[in-house]
Amino acid sequence: MIGLVMGVPSLMEIFDEKYYLNLEGGILKALGRMFKGGLKLYVYPMIDEATGRIVSATQVKVAPNLHSLFRYLADNRYIVSIQQPESRPGDNF
């Protein structure tokens, strides 16, 4: 098992099909190879500069034709959203 930590912007890049245009099998083959060895992506959120809202890995917008693939990876915990821990009294975050 290998874990890779990245931010939402990097996850969005992984699901950008332009990087797979010249690859036989395209994005499906690339992601199949990437995750077959037990890889997990731990993804920390980002702030959407346009809205000021926090965007987590589960809220990433992917192309409609990739939605089922993304859901499969997220539902099976190959893509894990890192959540901010709840602060406790006395914490200085």
N, C-alpha and C. Protein backbone atom coordinates (compact mmCIF):
# COMPACT_ATOMS: atom_id res chain seq x y z
N MET A 1 0.85 -1.18 0.00
CA MET A 1 0.00 0.00 0.00
C MET A 1 0.89 1.24 0.00
N ILE A 2 0.57 2.16 -0.86
CA ILE A 2 1.29 3.43 -0.96
C ILE A 2 0.29 4.56 -0.82
N GLY A 3 0.60 5.54 -0.01
CA GLY A 3 -0.24 6.72 0.14
C GLY A 3 0.48 7.94 -0.42
N LEU A 4 -0.25 8.73 -1.16
CA LEU A 4 0.29 9.95 -1.76
C LEU A 4 -0.57 11.12 -1.31
N VAL A 5 0.06 12.14 -0.75
CA VAL A 5 -0.67 13.32 -0.28
C VAL A 5 -0.57 14.41 -1.34
N MET A 6 -1.71 15.00 -1.65
CA MET A 6 -1.75 16.08 -2.63
C MET A 6 -2.92 16.99 -2.32
N GLY A 7 -2.96 18.12 -3.01
CA GLY A 7 -4.07 19.05 -2.87
C GLY A 7 -5.11 18.84 -3.95
N VAL A 8 -6.25 19.45 -3.77
CA VAL A 8 -7.33 19.37 -4.75
C VAL A 8 -6.87 19.80 -6.15
N PRO A 9 -6.07 20.87 -6.28
CA PRO A 9 -5.64 21.25 -7.63
C PRO A 9 -4.89 20.12 -8.36
N SER A 10 -4.06 19.38 -7.65
CA SER A 10 -3.34 18.26 -8.27
C SER A 10 -4.29 17.14 -8.66
N LEU A 11 -5.28 16.89 -7.83
CA LEU A 11 -6.29 15.87 -8.16
C LEU A 11 -7.05 16.27 -9.42
N MET A 12 -7.37 17.54 -9.54
CA MET A 12 -8.06 18.02 -10.73
C MET A 12 -7.19 17.81 -11.98
N GLU A 13 -5.90 17.99 -11.85
CA GLU A 13 -4.98 17.77 -12.97
C GLU A 13 -4.98 16.29 -13.39
N ILE A 14 -5.01 15.40 -12.42
CA ILE A 14 -5.02 13.96 -12.73
C ILE A 14 -6.24 13.61 -13.57
N PHE A 15 -7.36 14.26 -13.34
CA PHE A 15 -8.59 13.96 -14.07
C PHE A 15 -8.78 14.85 -15.30
N ASP A 16 -7.74 15.51 -15.74
CA ASP A 16 -7.79 16.31 -16.97
C ASP A 16 -7.36 15.42 -18.12
N GLU A 17 -8.29 15.13 -19.01
CA GLU A 17 -8.05 14.17 -20.09
C GLU A 17 -7.00 14.61 -21.10
N LYS A 18 -6.64 15.88 -21.12
CA LYS A 18 -5.65 16.33 -22.10
C LYS A 18 -4.30 15.64 -21.92
N TYR A 19 -4.02 15.18 -20.71
CA TYR A 19 -2.75 14.51 -20.45
C TYR A 19 -2.71 13.07 -20.97
N TYR A 20 -3.85 12.55 -21.38
CA TYR A 20 -3.94 11.15 -21.78
C TYR A 20 -4.30 10.97 -23.25
N LEU A 21 -4.31 12.05 -24.02
CA LEU A 21 -4.74 11.98 -25.42
C LEU A 21 -3.87 11.06 -26.26
N ASN A 22 -2.59 11.04 -26.03
CA ASN A 22 -1.68 10.23 -26.84
C ASN A 22 -1.34 8.89 -26.19
N LEU A 23 -2.05 8.53 -25.16
CA LEU A 23 -1.81 7.28 -24.46
C LEU A 23 -2.83 6.24 -24.91
N GLU A 24 -2.35 5.11 -25.38
CA GLU A 24 -3.26 4.04 -25.77
C GLU A 24 -4.04 3.61 -24.52
N GLY A 25 -5.33 3.60 -24.63
CA GLY A 25 -6.17 3.26 -23.48
C GLY A 25 -6.61 4.49 -22.70
N GLY A 26 -6.00 5.63 -22.97
CA GLY A 26 -6.41 6.90 -22.37
C GLY A 26 -6.36 6.93 -20.85
N ILE A 27 -7.23 7.74 -20.31
CA ILE A 27 -7.24 7.98 -18.87
C ILE A 27 -7.61 6.73 -18.09
N LEU A 28 -8.48 5.89 -18.65
CA LEU A 28 -8.89 4.68 -17.94
C LEU A 28 -7.70 3.75 -17.71
N LYS A 29 -6.91 3.55 -18.74
CA LYS A 29 -5.74 2.69 -18.61
C LYS A 29 -4.72 3.30 -17.64
N ALA A 30 -4.50 4.59 -17.76
CA ALA A 30 -3.53 5.27 -16.89
C ALA A 30 -3.93 5.16 -15.42
N LEU A 31 -5.19 5.44 -15.12
CA LEU A 31 -5.63 5.38 -13.73
C LEU A 31 -5.70 3.94 -13.24
N GLY A 32 -6.03 3.01 -14.13
CA GLY A 32 -6.02 1.60 -13.75
C GLY A 32 -4.64 1.16 -13.33
N ARG A 33 -3.64 1.56 -14.07
CA ARG A 33 -2.26 1.22 -13.71
C ARG A 33 -1.84 1.92 -12.42
N MET A 34 -2.28 3.15 -12.27
CA MET A 34 -1.88 3.92 -11.11
C MET A 34 -2.42 3.31 -9.81
N PHE A 35 -3.67 2.87 -9.83
CA PHE A 35 -4.31 2.39 -8.60
C PHE A 35 -4.22 0.88 -8.39
N LYS A 36 -3.73 0.13 -9.36
CA LYS A 36 -3.76 -1.33 -9.22
C LYS A 36 -2.83 -1.85 -8.12
N GLY A 37 -1.82 -1.11 -7.77
CA GLY A 37 -0.89 -1.54 -6.74
C GLY A 37 -1.28 -1.14 -5.33
N GLY A 38 -2.50 -0.70 -5.13
CA GLY A 38 -2.94 -0.33 -3.79
C GLY A 38 -2.68 1.13 -3.43
N LEU A 39 -2.48 1.98 -4.43
CA LEU A 39 -2.23 3.39 -4.17
C LEU A 39 -3.48 4.07 -3.61
N LYS A 40 -3.28 4.93 -2.64
CA LYS A 40 -4.35 5.79 -2.13
C LYS A 40 -3.89 7.23 -2.24
N LEU A 41 -4.79 8.09 -2.65
CA LEU A 41 -4.53 9.52 -2.70
C LEU A 41 -5.21 10.17 -1.51
N TYR A 42 -4.44 10.83 -0.68
CA TYR A 42 -4.96 11.58 0.45
C TYR A 42 -4.94 13.05 0.01
N VAL A 43 -6.12 13.63 -0.11
CA VAL A 43 -6.24 14.94 -0.76
C VAL A 43 -6.70 16.00 0.25
N TYR A 44 -5.89 17.05 0.39
CA TYR A 44 -6.28 18.13 1.28
C TYR A 44 -7.06 19.19 0.48
N PRO A 45 -7.95 19.89 1.15
CA PRO A 45 -8.84 20.84 0.46
C PRO A 45 -8.12 22.10 -0.02
N MET A 46 -8.85 22.87 -0.81
CA MET A 46 -8.35 24.16 -1.28
C MET A 46 -9.46 25.19 -1.09
N ILE A 47 -9.08 26.44 -1.17
CA ILE A 47 -10.07 27.52 -1.12
C ILE A 47 -10.31 27.99 -2.55
N ASP A 48 -11.56 27.98 -2.97
CA ASP A 48 -11.94 28.49 -4.28
C ASP A 48 -11.83 30.01 -4.23
N GLU A 49 -10.90 30.57 -4.99
CA GLU A 49 -10.66 32.01 -4.93
C GLU A 49 -11.86 32.83 -5.40
N ALA A 50 -12.67 32.27 -6.27
CA ALA A 50 -13.83 33.00 -6.78
C ALA A 50 -14.93 33.13 -5.73
N THR A 51 -15.12 32.08 -4.92
CA THR A 51 -16.23 32.08 -3.96
C THR A 51 -15.77 32.17 -2.51
N GLY A 52 -14.50 31.85 -2.25
CA GLY A 52 -14.00 31.84 -0.88
C GLY A 52 -14.38 30.58 -0.12
N ARG A 53 -15.03 29.64 -0.79
CA ARG A 53 -15.48 28.40 -0.15
C ARG A 53 -14.38 27.34 -0.21
N ILE A 54 -14.40 26.46 0.76
CA ILE A 54 -13.47 25.34 0.81
C ILE A 54 -13.99 24.23 -0.10
N VAL A 55 -13.10 23.70 -0.94
CA VAL A 55 -13.44 22.61 -1.85
C VAL A 55 -12.65 21.38 -1.43
N SER A 56 -13.37 20.33 -1.08
CA SER A 56 -12.70 19.08 -0.66
C SER A 56 -12.62 18.13 -1.86
N ALA A 57 -11.92 17.04 -1.66
CA ALA A 57 -11.74 16.05 -2.73
C ALA A 57 -13.08 15.49 -3.20
N THR A 58 -14.03 15.37 -2.32
CA THR A 58 -15.33 14.81 -2.71
C THR A 58 -16.17 15.80 -3.52
N GLN A 59 -15.75 17.06 -3.57
CA GLN A 59 -16.49 18.08 -4.29
C GLN A 59 -15.85 18.48 -5.62
N VAL A 60 -14.80 17.77 -6.01
CA VAL A 60 -14.09 18.08 -7.25
C VAL A 60 -15.02 17.85 -8.43
N LYS A 61 -15.02 18.80 -9.34
CA LYS A 61 -15.82 18.68 -10.57
C LYS A 61 -14.96 18.03 -11.65
N VAL A 62 -15.45 16.91 -12.18
CA VAL A 62 -14.78 16.24 -13.29
C VAL A 62 -15.71 16.22 -14.48
N ALA A 63 -15.16 15.93 -15.65
CA ALA A 63 -15.97 15.86 -16.86
C ALA A 63 -17.09 14.82 -16.66
N PRO A 64 -18.24 15.05 -17.26
CA PRO A 64 -19.37 14.12 -17.09
C PRO A 64 -19.03 12.66 -17.41
N ASN A 65 -18.20 12.45 -18.42
CA ASN A 65 -17.85 11.08 -18.78
C ASN A 65 -16.90 10.42 -17.77
N LEU A 66 -16.34 11.20 -16.84
CA LEU A 66 -15.44 10.66 -15.83
C LEU A 66 -16.07 10.58 -14.44
N HIS A 67 -17.31 11.03 -14.35
CA HIS A 67 -17.97 11.09 -13.05
C HIS A 67 -18.05 9.71 -12.39
N SER A 68 -18.44 8.69 -13.12
CA SER A 68 -18.57 7.35 -12.54
C SER A 68 -17.22 6.80 -12.09
N LEU A 69 -16.18 7.05 -12.87
CA LEU A 69 -14.83 6.61 -12.51
C LEU A 69 -14.38 7.30 -11.23
N PHE A 70 -14.61 8.61 -11.15
CA PHE A 70 -14.23 9.36 -9.96
C PHE A 70 -14.99 8.85 -8.74
N ARG A 71 -16.29 8.63 -8.88
CA ARG A 71 -17.11 8.15 -7.78
C ARG A 71 -16.63 6.77 -7.31
N TYR A 72 -16.29 5.90 -8.27
CA TYR A 72 -15.79 4.58 -7.93
C TYR A 72 -14.53 4.69 -7.06
N LEU A 73 -13.60 5.53 -7.49
CA LEU A 73 -12.34 5.68 -6.75
C LEU A 73 -12.58 6.28 -5.36
N ALA A 74 -13.47 7.25 -5.27
CA ALA A 74 -13.78 7.87 -3.98
C ALA A 74 -14.56 6.91 -3.08
N ASP A 75 -15.57 6.24 -3.63
CA ASP A 75 -16.39 5.33 -2.83
C ASP A 75 -15.59 4.16 -2.29
N ASN A 76 -14.58 3.74 -3.02
CA ASN A 76 -13.75 2.62 -2.60
C ASN A 76 -12.49 3.07 -1.87
N ARG A 77 -12.45 4.33 -1.51
CA ARG A 77 -11.40 4.94 -0.69
C ARG A 77 -10.01 4.88 -1.31
N TYR A 78 -9.96 4.93 -2.65
CA TYR A 78 -8.68 5.14 -3.33
C TYR A 78 -8.35 6.63 -3.30
N ILE A 79 -9.39 7.45 -3.23
CA ILE A 79 -9.24 8.90 -3.06
C ILE A 79 -9.88 9.23 -1.72
N VAL A 80 -9.08 9.76 -0.81
CA VAL A 80 -9.54 10.05 0.54
C VAL A 80 -9.40 11.55 0.80
N SER A 81 -10.49 12.16 1.21
CA SER A 81 -10.48 13.58 1.51
C SER A 81 -9.96 13.80 2.93
N ILE A 82 -8.93 14.62 3.05
CA ILE A 82 -8.39 14.97 4.37
C ILE A 82 -9.28 16.06 4.95
N GLN A 83 -9.79 15.80 6.13
CA GLN A 83 -10.67 16.75 6.79
C GLN A 83 -9.90 17.51 7.85
N GLN A 84 -10.27 18.75 8.06
CA GLN A 84 -9.65 19.55 9.12
C GLN A 84 -10.09 19.01 10.47
N PRO A 85 -9.16 18.74 11.36
CA PRO A 85 -9.56 18.24 12.69
C PRO A 85 -10.34 19.32 13.43
N GLU A 86 -11.26 18.86 14.25
CA GLU A 86 -12.01 19.81 15.07
C GLU A 86 -11.08 20.41 16.11
N SER A 87 -11.15 21.71 16.28
CA SER A 87 -10.28 22.33 17.27
C SER A 87 -10.87 22.15 18.66
N ARG A 88 -9.99 22.12 19.61
CA ARG A 88 -10.40 21.96 21.01
C ARG A 88 -10.04 23.26 21.75
N PRO A 89 -10.70 23.49 22.83
CA PRO A 89 -10.34 24.70 23.60
C PRO A 89 -8.83 24.71 23.91
N GLY A 90 -8.19 25.80 23.65
CA GLY A 90 -6.76 25.92 23.90
C GLY A 90 -5.90 25.66 22.69
N ASP A 91 -6.49 25.07 21.62
CA ASP A 91 -5.73 24.87 20.38
C ASP A 91 -5.49 26.21 19.71
N ASN A 92 -4.33 26.38 19.15
CA ASN A 92 -4.00 27.64 18.47
C ASN A 92 -3.75 27.40 17.00
N PHE A 93 -4.74 26.94 16.27
CA PHE A 93 -4.60 26.76 14.82
C PHE A 93 -5.17 27.98 14.15
